[in-house]
Amino acid sequence: MNLDDLRRLNLRDIGNWPLLPKILVLLVIFTVIVAGGFLLDWKDQWDALELAQQEEVTLKGQYAQKKAKAINFELYVQQLNEVEQSFGALVKQLPNRAEIDALLTDINQAGLGRGLEFQLFRPAAQEKMADFYAELPIKIRITGNYHDMGAFASDVAQLPRIVTLNDLAIANQGGVLSLDAEAKTFRYLDEEEIAKQRAAAKAKAKGKR
């Protein structure tokens, strides 16, 4: 069948067309139907499918993250308990306000017990406040031999409460050794003091805005 034969075909008599033209017409009709279906309905469904696939990838990622956390949950709880225990042990080493005087006496007795003489033992007039604890610096000057001074430092380090020796300076005055230092002890704040600290911090933060 050539081009002239196709031109002579009668559109009103398609039933009597040869097989090949019928097949071509059917293909054209099928293509038009598919294209129309895609434009009118299938495209929205295709877009919805792509969106669902993307959401599936996101959900799988979230599931993997949550699964990893669930697997390590017991380890996290154990680590948290260890941190809380360590923190609690440190807090117990901080005296409260009522115990500060006894702690100052312990520091003084640690020096006297080693045969040292205190030329100066002066706690600061005002504590340095932090979030949940207060720091009390103490200026000290002691005289004695080098060995006893070392033993005193060791005794202070072994006190049940936290005490540090800072800014150590040893001088030899006429054969007598003197040690100048700043001892620091710490105490935890009570609930009222913590509330005041938080209120002051909030007021300070508002003032900076």
N, C-alpha and C. Protein backbone atom coordinates (compact mmCIF):
# COMPACT_ATOMS: atom_id res chain seq x y z
N MET A 1 0.85 -1.20 0.00
CA MET A 1 0.00 0.00 0.00
C MET A 1 0.88 1.23 0.00
N ASN A 2 0.56 2.17 -0.95
CA ASN A 2 1.34 3.39 -1.06
C ASN A 2 0.54 4.57 -0.53
N LEU A 3 1.12 5.76 -0.69
CA LEU A 3 0.50 6.98 -0.18
C LEU A 3 -0.82 7.29 -0.87
N ASP A 4 -0.87 7.02 -2.17
CA ASP A 4 -2.11 7.28 -2.91
C ASP A 4 -3.25 6.41 -2.39
N ASP A 5 -2.93 5.15 -2.05
CA ASP A 5 -3.96 4.26 -1.51
C ASP A 5 -4.52 4.81 -0.20
N LEU A 6 -3.63 5.37 0.63
CA LEU A 6 -4.07 5.93 1.92
C LEU A 6 -4.97 7.13 1.72
N ARG A 7 -4.67 7.91 0.68
CA ARG A 7 -5.49 9.08 0.41
C ARG A 7 -6.90 8.70 -0.05
N ARG A 8 -7.01 7.58 -0.71
CA ARG A 8 -8.31 7.15 -1.24
C ARG A 8 -9.21 6.47 -0.19
N LEU A 9 -8.66 6.28 0.98
CA LEU A 9 -9.46 5.61 2.02
C LEU A 9 -10.60 6.51 2.46
N ASN A 10 -11.78 5.96 2.68
CA ASN A 10 -12.96 6.71 3.10
C ASN A 10 -13.12 6.58 4.61
N LEU A 11 -13.09 7.74 5.28
CA LEU A 11 -13.19 7.73 6.74
C LEU A 11 -14.55 7.21 7.21
N ARG A 12 -15.56 7.28 6.34
CA ARG A 12 -16.88 6.79 6.72
C ARG A 12 -17.02 5.29 6.53
N ASP A 13 -16.01 4.70 5.95
CA ASP A 13 -16.08 3.26 5.66
C ASP A 13 -14.82 2.57 6.22
N ILE A 14 -14.51 2.87 7.46
CA ILE A 14 -13.30 2.31 8.08
C ILE A 14 -13.36 0.80 8.18
N GLY A 15 -14.54 0.25 8.30
CA GLY A 15 -14.68 -1.19 8.45
C GLY A 15 -14.15 -1.96 7.25
N ASN A 16 -14.15 -1.32 6.10
CA ASN A 16 -13.66 -2.01 4.90
C ASN A 16 -12.21 -1.66 4.55
N TRP A 17 -11.55 -0.97 5.47
CA TRP A 17 -10.15 -0.62 5.20
C TRP A 17 -9.29 -1.88 5.23
N PRO A 18 -8.14 -1.83 4.58
CA PRO A 18 -7.15 -2.91 4.71
C PRO A 18 -6.63 -2.98 6.16
N LEU A 19 -6.01 -4.10 6.47
CA LEU A 19 -5.55 -4.35 7.85
C LEU A 19 -4.54 -3.31 8.34
N LEU A 20 -3.57 -2.96 7.51
CA LEU A 20 -2.50 -2.06 7.94
C LEU A 20 -3.04 -0.68 8.33
N PRO A 21 -3.88 -0.03 7.54
CA PRO A 21 -4.43 1.26 7.97
C PRO A 21 -5.23 1.16 9.26
N LYS A 22 -5.98 0.03 9.41
CA LYS A 22 -6.73 -0.14 10.66
C LYS A 22 -5.80 -0.15 11.87
N ILE A 23 -4.69 -0.89 11.73
CA ILE A 23 -3.72 -0.98 12.85
C ILE A 23 -3.15 0.40 13.16
N LEU A 24 -2.81 1.17 12.12
CA LEU A 24 -2.25 2.50 12.32
C LEU A 24 -3.23 3.41 13.05
N VAL A 25 -4.50 3.33 12.63
CA VAL A 25 -5.53 4.15 13.28
C VAL A 25 -5.68 3.77 14.75
N LEU A 26 -5.70 2.47 15.01
CA LEU A 26 -5.82 2.00 16.39
C LEU A 26 -4.64 2.49 17.25
N LEU A 27 -3.43 2.47 16.67
CA LEU A 27 -2.25 2.96 17.40
C LEU A 27 -2.37 4.44 17.72
N VAL A 28 -2.87 5.20 16.75
CA VAL A 28 -3.05 6.64 16.99
C VAL A 28 -4.06 6.87 18.10
N ILE A 29 -5.19 6.13 18.02
CA ILE A 29 -6.22 6.29 19.07
C ILE A 29 -5.68 5.90 20.43
N PHE A 30 -4.94 4.79 20.48
CA PHE A 30 -4.37 4.33 21.75
C PHE A 30 -3.41 5.38 22.32
N THR A 31 -2.56 5.97 21.43
CA THR A 31 -1.60 6.98 21.87
C THR A 31 -2.31 8.21 22.43
N VAL A 32 -3.38 8.63 21.74
CA VAL A 32 -4.14 9.79 22.21
C VAL A 32 -4.76 9.52 23.57
N ILE A 33 -5.29 8.30 23.75
CA ILE A 33 -5.92 7.94 25.04
C ILE A 33 -4.88 7.94 26.17
N VAL A 34 -3.73 7.34 25.89
CA VAL A 34 -2.67 7.28 26.91
C VAL A 34 -2.19 8.67 27.27
N ALA A 35 -1.96 9.50 26.22
CA ALA A 35 -1.48 10.86 26.48
C ALA A 35 -2.52 11.66 27.25
N GLY A 36 -3.79 11.52 26.86
CA GLY A 36 -4.84 12.24 27.57
C GLY A 36 -4.95 11.78 29.01
N GLY A 37 -4.85 10.45 29.23
CA GLY A 37 -4.91 9.94 30.59
C GLY A 37 -3.77 10.43 31.45
N PHE A 38 -2.60 10.51 30.84
CA PHE A 38 -1.43 10.99 31.58
C PHE A 38 -1.61 12.45 32.00
N LEU A 39 -2.07 13.26 31.03
CA LEU A 39 -2.23 14.69 31.31
C LEU A 39 -3.36 14.96 32.29
N LEU A 40 -4.45 14.22 32.18
CA LEU A 40 -5.63 14.51 32.98
C LEU A 40 -5.63 13.83 34.35
N ASP A 41 -5.00 12.68 34.48
CA ASP A 41 -5.12 11.93 35.74
C ASP A 41 -3.81 11.34 36.22
N TRP A 42 -3.11 10.65 35.34
CA TRP A 42 -1.93 9.91 35.76
C TRP A 42 -0.80 10.81 36.27
N LYS A 43 -0.69 12.02 35.73
CA LYS A 43 0.42 12.89 36.14
C LYS A 43 0.34 13.20 37.64
N ASP A 44 -0.89 13.52 38.12
CA ASP A 44 -1.05 13.80 39.55
C ASP A 44 -0.69 12.57 40.39
N GLN A 45 -1.10 11.40 39.89
CA GLN A 45 -0.78 10.18 40.62
C GLN A 45 0.73 9.91 40.60
N TRP A 46 1.36 10.22 39.49
CA TRP A 46 2.82 10.02 39.40
C TRP A 46 3.55 10.95 40.36
N ASP A 47 3.10 12.21 40.41
CA ASP A 47 3.71 13.17 41.35
C ASP A 47 3.51 12.72 42.79
N ALA A 48 2.31 12.21 43.07
CA ALA A 48 2.02 11.72 44.43
C ALA A 48 2.91 10.54 44.77
N LEU A 49 3.17 9.66 43.78
CA LEU A 49 4.03 8.51 44.01
C LEU A 49 5.46 8.95 44.31
N GLU A 50 5.97 9.93 43.54
CA GLU A 50 7.33 10.42 43.80
C GLU A 50 7.42 11.05 45.18
N LEU A 51 6.39 11.80 45.58
CA LEU A 51 6.38 12.41 46.90
C LEU A 51 6.37 11.35 48.00
N ALA A 52 5.59 10.30 47.78
CA ALA A 52 5.53 9.22 48.76
C ALA A 52 6.86 8.49 48.87
N GLN A 53 7.55 8.33 47.74
CA GLN A 53 8.86 7.66 47.76
C GLN A 53 9.88 8.50 48.54
N GLN A 54 9.84 9.82 48.34
CA GLN A 54 10.74 10.70 49.08
C GLN A 54 10.45 10.64 50.58
N GLU A 55 9.16 10.64 50.93
CA GLU A 55 8.78 10.55 52.33
C GLU A 55 9.22 9.22 52.94
N GLU A 56 9.15 8.16 52.13
CA GLU A 56 9.58 6.85 52.59
C GLU A 56 11.06 6.86 52.95
N VAL A 57 11.89 7.52 52.12
CA VAL A 57 13.33 7.62 52.40
C VAL A 57 13.56 8.38 53.71
N THR A 58 12.82 9.48 53.91
CA THR A 58 12.96 10.27 55.14
C THR A 58 12.57 9.46 56.36
N LEU A 59 11.45 8.75 56.27
CA LEU A 59 10.97 7.94 57.40
C LEU A 59 11.94 6.81 57.73
N LYS A 60 12.53 6.22 56.68
CA LYS A 60 13.51 5.16 56.92
C LYS A 60 14.73 5.70 57.67
N GLY A 61 15.16 6.92 57.30
CA GLY A 61 16.29 7.54 58.00
C GLY A 61 15.96 7.81 59.45
N GLN A 62 14.76 8.34 59.71
CA GLN A 62 14.34 8.59 61.09
C GLN A 62 14.24 7.30 61.89
N TYR A 63 13.74 6.27 61.24
CA TYR A 63 13.63 4.97 61.92
C TYR A 63 15.00 4.43 62.29
N ALA A 64 15.97 4.58 61.38
CA ALA A 64 17.32 4.08 61.66
C ALA A 64 17.94 4.83 62.84
N GLN A 65 17.71 6.16 62.89
CA GLN A 65 18.24 6.94 64.00
C GLN A 65 17.62 6.53 65.33
N LYS A 66 16.29 6.38 65.33
CA LYS A 66 15.61 6.00 66.56
C LYS A 66 15.98 4.58 67.00
N LYS A 67 16.19 3.72 66.02
CA LYS A 67 16.58 2.35 66.34
C LYS A 67 17.96 2.34 67.00
N ALA A 68 18.88 3.16 66.47
CA ALA A 68 20.22 3.23 67.05
C ALA A 68 20.16 3.76 68.48
N LYS A 69 19.30 4.76 68.72
CA LYS A 69 19.15 5.30 70.07
C LYS A 69 18.55 4.25 71.01
N ALA A 70 17.57 3.51 70.48
CA ALA A 70 16.93 2.48 71.31
C ALA A 70 17.92 1.39 71.70
N ILE A 71 18.78 1.03 70.75
CA ILE A 71 19.78 -0.01 71.02
C ILE A 71 20.74 0.44 72.10
N ASN A 72 21.11 1.75 72.06
CA ASN A 72 22.10 2.28 73.02
C ASN A 72 21.45 2.90 74.25
N PHE A 73 20.12 2.73 74.41
CA PHE A 73 19.42 3.39 75.51
C PHE A 73 19.98 2.97 76.87
N GLU A 74 20.18 1.69 77.05
CA GLU A 74 20.68 1.21 78.34
C GLU A 74 22.07 1.77 78.63
N LEU A 75 22.89 1.88 77.57
CA LEU A 75 24.23 2.45 77.76
C LEU A 75 24.14 3.91 78.17
N TYR A 76 23.20 4.65 77.54
CA TYR A 76 23.01 6.05 77.90
C TYR A 76 22.57 6.19 79.35
N VAL A 77 21.65 5.34 79.77
CA VAL A 77 21.17 5.38 81.15
C VAL A 77 22.31 5.09 82.12
N GLN A 78 23.13 4.09 81.78
CA GLN A 78 24.26 3.76 82.65
C GLN A 78 25.24 4.92 82.75
N GLN A 79 25.54 5.56 81.62
CA GLN A 79 26.45 6.70 81.64
C GLN A 79 25.88 7.85 82.45
N LEU A 80 24.56 8.08 82.31
CA LEU A 80 23.92 9.14 83.08
C LEU A 80 24.00 8.86 84.57
N ASN A 81 23.78 7.61 84.96
CA ASN A 81 23.87 7.25 86.37
C ASN A 81 25.28 7.46 86.90
N GLU A 82 26.28 7.12 86.08
CA GLU A 82 27.67 7.31 86.50
C GLU A 82 28.00 8.79 86.68
N VAL A 83 27.49 9.60 85.77
CA VAL A 83 27.71 11.05 85.89
C VAL A 83 27.06 11.59 87.14
N GLU A 84 25.81 11.16 87.39
CA GLU A 84 25.10 11.62 88.59
C GLU A 84 25.82 11.19 89.86
N GLN A 85 26.36 9.97 89.87
CA GLN A 85 27.09 9.50 91.05
C GLN A 85 28.38 10.30 91.26
N SER A 86 29.09 10.57 90.16
CA SER A 86 30.32 11.35 90.25
C SER A 86 30.02 12.76 90.74
N PHE A 87 28.96 13.36 90.18
CA PHE A 87 28.58 14.70 90.60
C PHE A 87 28.18 14.71 92.07
N GLY A 88 27.40 13.70 92.47
CA GLY A 88 26.99 13.62 93.86
C GLY A 88 28.18 13.49 94.80
N ALA A 89 29.19 12.71 94.38
CA ALA A 89 30.39 12.55 95.21
C ALA A 89 31.14 13.87 95.36
N LEU A 90 31.19 14.64 94.27
CA LEU A 90 31.86 15.95 94.33
C LEU A 90 31.09 16.92 95.22
N VAL A 91 29.76 16.90 95.10
CA VAL A 91 28.95 17.80 95.92
C VAL A 91 29.13 17.49 97.40
N LYS A 92 29.26 16.21 97.72
CA LYS A 92 29.45 15.83 99.12
C LYS A 92 30.77 16.37 99.68
N GLN A 93 31.73 16.65 98.80
CA GLN A 93 32.99 17.20 99.25
C GLN A 93 32.92 18.70 99.48
N LEU A 94 31.80 19.29 99.12
CA LEU A 94 31.62 20.72 99.36
C LEU A 94 30.87 20.92 100.67
N PRO A 95 31.45 21.65 101.60
CA PRO A 95 30.75 21.87 102.87
C PRO A 95 29.60 22.86 102.69
N ASN A 96 28.65 22.82 103.59
CA ASN A 96 27.64 23.86 103.57
C ASN A 96 28.11 25.05 104.41
N ARG A 97 27.27 26.05 104.52
CA ARG A 97 27.68 27.28 105.21
C ARG A 97 28.07 27.02 106.67
N ALA A 98 27.33 26.14 107.32
CA ALA A 98 27.59 25.87 108.74
C ALA A 98 28.91 25.13 108.95
N GLU A 99 29.40 24.42 107.93
CA GLU A 99 30.61 23.61 108.10
C GLU A 99 31.89 24.36 107.74
N ILE A 100 31.77 25.59 107.21
CA ILE A 100 32.95 26.33 106.79
C ILE A 100 33.90 26.60 107.95
N ASP A 101 33.36 27.04 109.10
CA ASP A 101 34.21 27.35 110.25
C ASP A 101 35.01 26.13 110.69
N ALA A 102 34.35 24.96 110.69
CA ALA A 102 35.05 23.73 111.08
C ALA A 102 36.14 23.39 110.07
N LEU A 103 35.88 23.65 108.79
CA LEU A 103 36.88 23.37 107.77
C LEU A 103 38.08 24.29 107.91
N LEU A 104 37.85 25.56 108.22
CA LEU A 104 38.97 26.50 108.45
C LEU A 104 39.82 26.03 109.63
N THR A 105 39.14 25.51 110.64
CA THR A 105 39.87 24.98 111.80
C THR A 105 40.72 23.77 111.39
N ASP A 106 40.17 22.90 110.51
CA ASP A 106 40.92 21.73 110.05
C ASP A 106 42.18 22.14 109.28
N ILE A 107 42.07 23.18 108.45
CA ILE A 107 43.24 23.65 107.70
C ILE A 107 44.29 24.19 108.66
N ASN A 108 43.84 24.95 109.64
CA ASN A 108 44.77 25.50 110.63
C ASN A 108 45.44 24.39 111.43
N GLN A 109 44.67 23.38 111.83
CA GLN A 109 45.22 22.28 112.61
C GLN A 109 46.19 21.43 111.78
N ALA A 110 45.94 21.35 110.47
CA ALA A 110 46.85 20.60 109.60
C ALA A 110 48.24 21.22 109.62
N GLY A 111 48.32 22.56 109.67
CA GLY A 111 49.62 23.23 109.74
C GLY A 111 50.26 23.09 111.11
N LEU A 112 49.46 23.32 112.15
CA LEU A 112 50.00 23.22 113.50
C LEU A 112 50.45 21.79 113.81
N GLY A 113 49.73 20.82 113.28
CA GLY A 113 50.09 19.43 113.53
C GLY A 113 51.43 19.06 112.92
N ARG A 114 51.89 19.82 111.92
CA ARG A 114 53.20 19.57 111.30
C ARG A 114 54.28 20.47 111.87
N GLY A 115 53.94 21.17 112.96
CA GLY A 115 54.95 22.02 113.60
C GLY A 115 55.19 23.33 112.89
N LEU A 116 54.28 23.72 112.01
CA LEU A 116 54.42 24.98 111.30
C LEU A 116 53.78 26.12 112.10
N GLU A 117 54.26 27.33 111.87
CA GLU A 117 53.71 28.51 112.54
C GLU A 117 52.98 29.37 111.51
N PHE A 118 51.75 29.75 111.82
CA PHE A 118 50.99 30.61 110.93
C PHE A 118 51.31 32.08 111.24
N GLN A 119 51.91 32.76 110.30
CA GLN A 119 52.12 34.19 110.42
C GLN A 119 50.90 34.95 109.89
N LEU A 120 50.14 34.28 109.00
CA LEU A 120 48.95 34.90 108.43
C LEU A 120 47.93 33.82 108.11
N PHE A 121 46.71 34.02 108.51
CA PHE A 121 45.60 33.13 108.15
C PHE A 121 44.37 34.02 108.05
N ARG A 122 44.09 34.51 106.84
CA ARG A 122 43.06 35.53 106.67
C ARG A 122 42.07 35.13 105.58
N PRO A 123 40.91 34.61 105.97
CA PRO A 123 39.86 34.34 104.97
C PRO A 123 39.37 35.64 104.35
N ALA A 124 39.00 35.58 103.09
CA ALA A 124 38.50 36.77 102.40
C ALA A 124 37.21 37.25 103.06
N ALA A 125 37.01 38.56 103.02
CA ALA A 125 35.82 39.13 103.64
C ALA A 125 34.55 38.75 102.88
N GLN A 126 34.69 38.47 101.60
CA GLN A 126 33.51 38.13 100.80
C GLN A 126 33.80 36.94 99.91
N GLU A 127 32.85 36.03 99.83
CA GLU A 127 32.98 34.86 98.97
C GLU A 127 32.76 35.24 97.51
N LYS A 128 33.32 34.41 96.62
CA LYS A 128 33.07 34.56 95.18
C LYS A 128 31.98 33.56 94.80
N MET A 129 30.86 34.10 94.33
CA MET A 129 29.69 33.26 94.07
C MET A 129 29.71 32.74 92.65
N ALA A 130 29.31 31.48 92.49
CA ALA A 130 29.15 30.85 91.18
C ALA A 130 27.73 30.31 91.08
N ASP A 131 27.47 29.45 90.09
CA ASP A 131 26.10 28.97 89.87
C ASP A 131 25.53 28.22 91.05
N PHE A 132 26.28 27.24 91.55
CA PHE A 132 25.74 26.43 92.65
C PHE A 132 26.72 26.29 93.81
N TYR A 133 27.82 27.02 93.75
CA TYR A 133 28.79 26.96 94.84
C TYR A 133 29.40 28.33 95.07
N ALA A 134 30.04 28.48 96.22
CA ALA A 134 30.75 29.70 96.56
C ALA A 134 32.21 29.36 96.85
N GLU A 135 33.09 30.24 96.44
CA GLU A 135 34.53 30.03 96.63
C GLU A 135 35.03 30.99 97.70
N LEU A 136 35.76 30.45 98.68
CA LEU A 136 36.29 31.27 99.77
C LEU A 136 37.82 31.23 99.73
N PRO A 137 38.48 32.31 99.29
CA PRO A 137 39.95 32.36 99.30
C PRO A 137 40.47 32.67 100.72
N ILE A 138 41.61 32.08 101.04
CA ILE A 138 42.22 32.29 102.36
C ILE A 138 43.70 32.59 102.14
N LYS A 139 44.14 33.75 102.54
CA LYS A 139 45.56 34.10 102.46
C LYS A 139 46.28 33.49 103.66
N ILE A 140 47.36 32.73 103.38
CA ILE A 140 48.12 32.13 104.49
C ILE A 140 49.61 32.38 104.29
N ARG A 141 50.30 32.48 105.42
CA ARG A 141 51.76 32.53 105.42
C ARG A 141 52.23 31.67 106.59
N ILE A 142 53.01 30.64 106.29
CA ILE A 142 53.49 29.75 107.34
C ILE A 142 55.01 29.69 107.28
N THR A 143 55.60 29.38 108.44
CA THR A 143 57.06 29.22 108.52
C THR A 143 57.38 27.85 109.08
N GLY A 144 58.50 27.32 108.64
CA GLY A 144 58.93 26.00 109.08
C GLY A 144 59.92 25.43 108.09
N ASN A 145 60.18 24.12 108.18
CA ASN A 145 61.14 23.54 107.24
C ASN A 145 60.40 23.01 105.99
N TYR A 146 61.19 22.74 104.99
CA TYR A 146 60.64 22.38 103.69
C TYR A 146 59.84 21.07 103.77
N HIS A 147 60.36 20.11 104.54
CA HIS A 147 59.70 18.81 104.65
C HIS A 147 58.32 18.95 105.27
N ASP A 148 58.21 19.77 106.35
CA ASP A 148 56.92 19.95 107.03
C ASP A 148 55.92 20.69 106.14
N MET A 149 56.44 21.61 105.32
CA MET A 149 55.55 22.31 104.40
C MET A 149 54.97 21.35 103.36
N GLY A 150 55.81 20.45 102.87
CA GLY A 150 55.33 19.46 101.93
C GLY A 150 54.29 18.55 102.55
N ALA A 151 54.54 18.14 103.82
CA ALA A 151 53.59 17.28 104.52
C ALA A 151 52.27 18.02 104.76
N PHE A 152 52.34 19.33 105.03
CA PHE A 152 51.14 20.13 105.23
C PHE A 152 50.31 20.16 103.94
N ALA A 153 50.97 20.38 102.82
CA ALA A 153 50.26 20.41 101.54
C ALA A 153 49.58 19.07 101.28
N SER A 154 50.26 17.98 101.63
CA SER A 154 49.67 16.65 101.45
C SER A 154 48.47 16.45 102.36
N ASP A 155 48.57 16.91 103.61
CA ASP A 155 47.46 16.78 104.55
C ASP A 155 46.24 17.57 104.08
N VAL A 156 46.47 18.75 103.55
CA VAL A 156 45.36 19.57 103.05
C VAL A 156 44.66 18.87 101.89
N ALA A 157 45.45 18.26 101.01
CA ALA A 157 44.88 17.57 99.86
C ALA A 157 44.04 16.37 100.29
N GLN A 158 44.32 15.81 101.45
CA GLN A 158 43.59 14.62 101.91
C GLN A 158 42.41 14.95 102.82
N LEU A 159 42.14 16.23 103.02
CA LEU A 159 40.97 16.60 103.82
C LEU A 159 39.70 16.10 103.13
N PRO A 160 38.69 15.74 103.91
CA PRO A 160 37.45 15.22 103.29
C PRO A 160 36.71 16.26 102.45
N ARG A 161 37.02 17.52 102.63
CA ARG A 161 36.43 18.59 101.84
C ARG A 161 37.44 19.12 100.85
N ILE A 162 36.95 19.73 99.78
CA ILE A 162 37.83 20.23 98.72
C ILE A 162 38.54 21.49 99.19
N VAL A 163 39.86 21.44 99.21
CA VAL A 163 40.69 22.60 99.53
C VAL A 163 41.88 22.57 98.57
N THR A 164 42.16 23.70 97.93
CA THR A 164 43.31 23.78 97.02
C THR A 164 44.27 24.84 97.50
N LEU A 165 45.56 24.63 97.20
CA LEU A 165 46.59 25.61 97.51
C LEU A 165 47.07 26.22 96.19
N ASN A 166 47.04 27.54 96.11
CA ASN A 166 47.36 28.23 94.87
C ASN A 166 48.40 29.33 95.11
N ASP A 167 49.08 29.72 94.03
CA ASP A 167 50.04 30.83 94.06
C ASP A 167 51.08 30.63 95.17
N LEU A 168 51.68 29.46 95.20
CA LEU A 168 52.67 29.14 96.23
C LEU A 168 53.95 29.92 95.98
N ALA A 169 54.51 30.47 97.06
CA ALA A 169 55.77 31.20 96.96
C ALA A 169 56.56 30.94 98.24
N ILE A 170 57.75 30.31 98.10
CA ILE A 170 58.59 29.98 99.25
C ILE A 170 59.78 30.92 99.27
N ALA A 171 60.06 31.48 100.45
CA ALA A 171 61.19 32.40 100.61
C ALA A 171 62.04 31.96 101.80
N ASN A 172 63.32 32.23 101.72
CA ASN A 172 64.26 31.90 102.81
C ASN A 172 64.66 33.20 103.49
N GLN A 173 64.24 33.34 104.73
CA GLN A 173 64.53 34.55 105.48
C GLN A 173 65.39 34.20 106.69
N GLY A 174 66.70 34.43 106.52
CA GLY A 174 67.63 34.14 107.61
C GLY A 174 67.66 32.69 108.01
N GLY A 175 67.54 31.82 107.03
CA GLY A 175 67.57 30.40 107.29
C GLY A 175 66.22 29.81 107.66
N VAL A 176 65.21 30.65 107.73
CA VAL A 176 63.86 30.19 108.05
C VAL A 176 63.01 30.27 106.77
N LEU A 177 62.38 29.15 106.43
CA LEU A 177 61.56 29.12 105.22
C LEU A 177 60.15 29.63 105.54
N SER A 178 59.64 30.44 104.63
CA SER A 178 58.26 30.90 104.77
C SER A 178 57.52 30.60 103.47
N LEU A 179 56.27 30.21 103.62
CA LEU A 179 55.44 29.87 102.47
C LEU A 179 54.23 30.79 102.44
N ASP A 180 54.11 31.53 101.33
CA ASP A 180 52.91 32.34 101.09
C ASP A 180 52.05 31.60 100.06
N ALA A 181 50.77 31.53 100.32
CA ALA A 181 49.87 30.83 99.41
C ALA A 181 48.45 31.34 99.60
N GLU A 182 47.62 30.97 98.64
CA GLU A 182 46.20 31.26 98.76
C GLU A 182 45.47 29.92 98.75
N ALA A 183 44.92 29.59 99.89
CA ALA A 183 44.11 28.38 99.96
C ALA A 183 42.68 28.73 99.52
N LYS A 184 42.06 27.82 98.83
CA LYS A 184 40.68 28.04 98.39
C LYS A 184 39.83 26.85 98.81
N THR A 185 38.76 27.15 99.47
CA THR A 185 37.79 26.12 99.78
C THR A 185 36.45 26.51 99.17
N PHE A 186 35.58 25.55 99.05
CA PHE A 186 34.33 25.78 98.34
C PHE A 186 33.19 25.22 99.17
N ARG A 187 32.04 25.83 99.05
CA ARG A 187 30.84 25.31 99.69
C ARG A 187 29.70 25.39 98.69
N TYR A 188 28.73 24.47 98.84
CA TYR A 188 27.59 24.52 97.93
C TYR A 188 26.55 25.49 98.48
N LEU A 189 25.82 26.12 97.60
CA LEU A 189 24.80 27.09 97.98
C LEU A 189 23.52 26.38 98.40
N ASP A 190 22.81 26.99 99.34
CA ASP A 190 21.50 26.44 99.69
C ASP A 190 20.48 26.90 98.64
N GLU A 191 19.26 26.40 98.74
CA GLU A 191 18.24 26.67 97.72
C GLU A 191 17.94 28.16 97.60
N GLU A 192 17.93 28.85 98.73
CA GLU A 192 17.65 30.30 98.70
C GLU A 192 18.74 31.05 97.95
N GLU A 193 20.00 30.66 98.20
CA GLU A 193 21.11 31.32 97.52
C GLU A 193 21.12 31.02 96.02
N ILE A 194 20.79 29.78 95.66
CA ILE A 194 20.73 29.41 94.25
C ILE A 194 19.66 30.22 93.54
N ALA A 195 18.50 30.40 94.21
CA ALA A 195 17.42 31.18 93.62
C ALA A 195 17.85 32.63 93.39
N LYS A 196 18.59 33.19 94.34
CA LYS A 196 19.08 34.56 94.19
C LYS A 196 20.07 34.66 93.04
N GLN A 197 20.95 33.65 92.91
CA GLN A 197 21.92 33.65 91.83
C GLN A 197 21.22 33.60 90.47
N ARG A 198 20.21 32.77 90.34
CA ARG A 198 19.48 32.66 89.08
C ARG A 198 18.74 33.94 88.76
N ALA A 199 18.14 34.55 89.79
CA ALA A 199 17.43 35.81 89.57
C ALA A 199 18.41 36.90 89.13
N ALA A 200 19.58 36.94 89.74
CA ALA A 200 20.58 37.95 89.37
C ALA A 200 21.08 37.72 87.95
N ALA A 201 21.25 36.44 87.57
CA ALA A 201 21.72 36.12 86.22
C ALA A 201 20.67 36.54 85.18
N LYS A 202 19.38 36.31 85.48
CA LYS A 202 18.31 36.70 84.55
C LYS A 202 18.26 38.22 84.41
N ALA A 203 18.40 38.92 85.54
CA ALA A 203 18.37 40.38 85.50
C ALA A 203 19.55 40.92 84.70
N LYS A 204 20.70 40.29 84.86
CA LYS A 204 21.89 40.71 84.12
C LYS A 204 21.72 40.47 82.63
N ALA A 205 21.11 39.31 82.28
CA ALA A 205 20.89 39.00 80.87
C ALA A 205 19.91 39.98 80.24
N LYS A 206 18.86 40.36 80.97
CA LYS A 206 17.88 41.33 80.45
C LYS A 206 18.54 42.69 80.25
N GLY A 207 19.46 43.04 81.16
CA GLY A 207 20.13 44.33 81.06
C GLY A 207 21.02 44.46 79.85
N LYS A 208 21.54 43.31 79.35
CA LYS A 208 22.42 43.33 78.18
C LYS A 208 21.65 43.48 76.87
N ARG A 209 20.33 43.20 76.90
CA ARG A 209 19.55 43.26 75.66
C ARG A 209 19.28 44.71 75.25
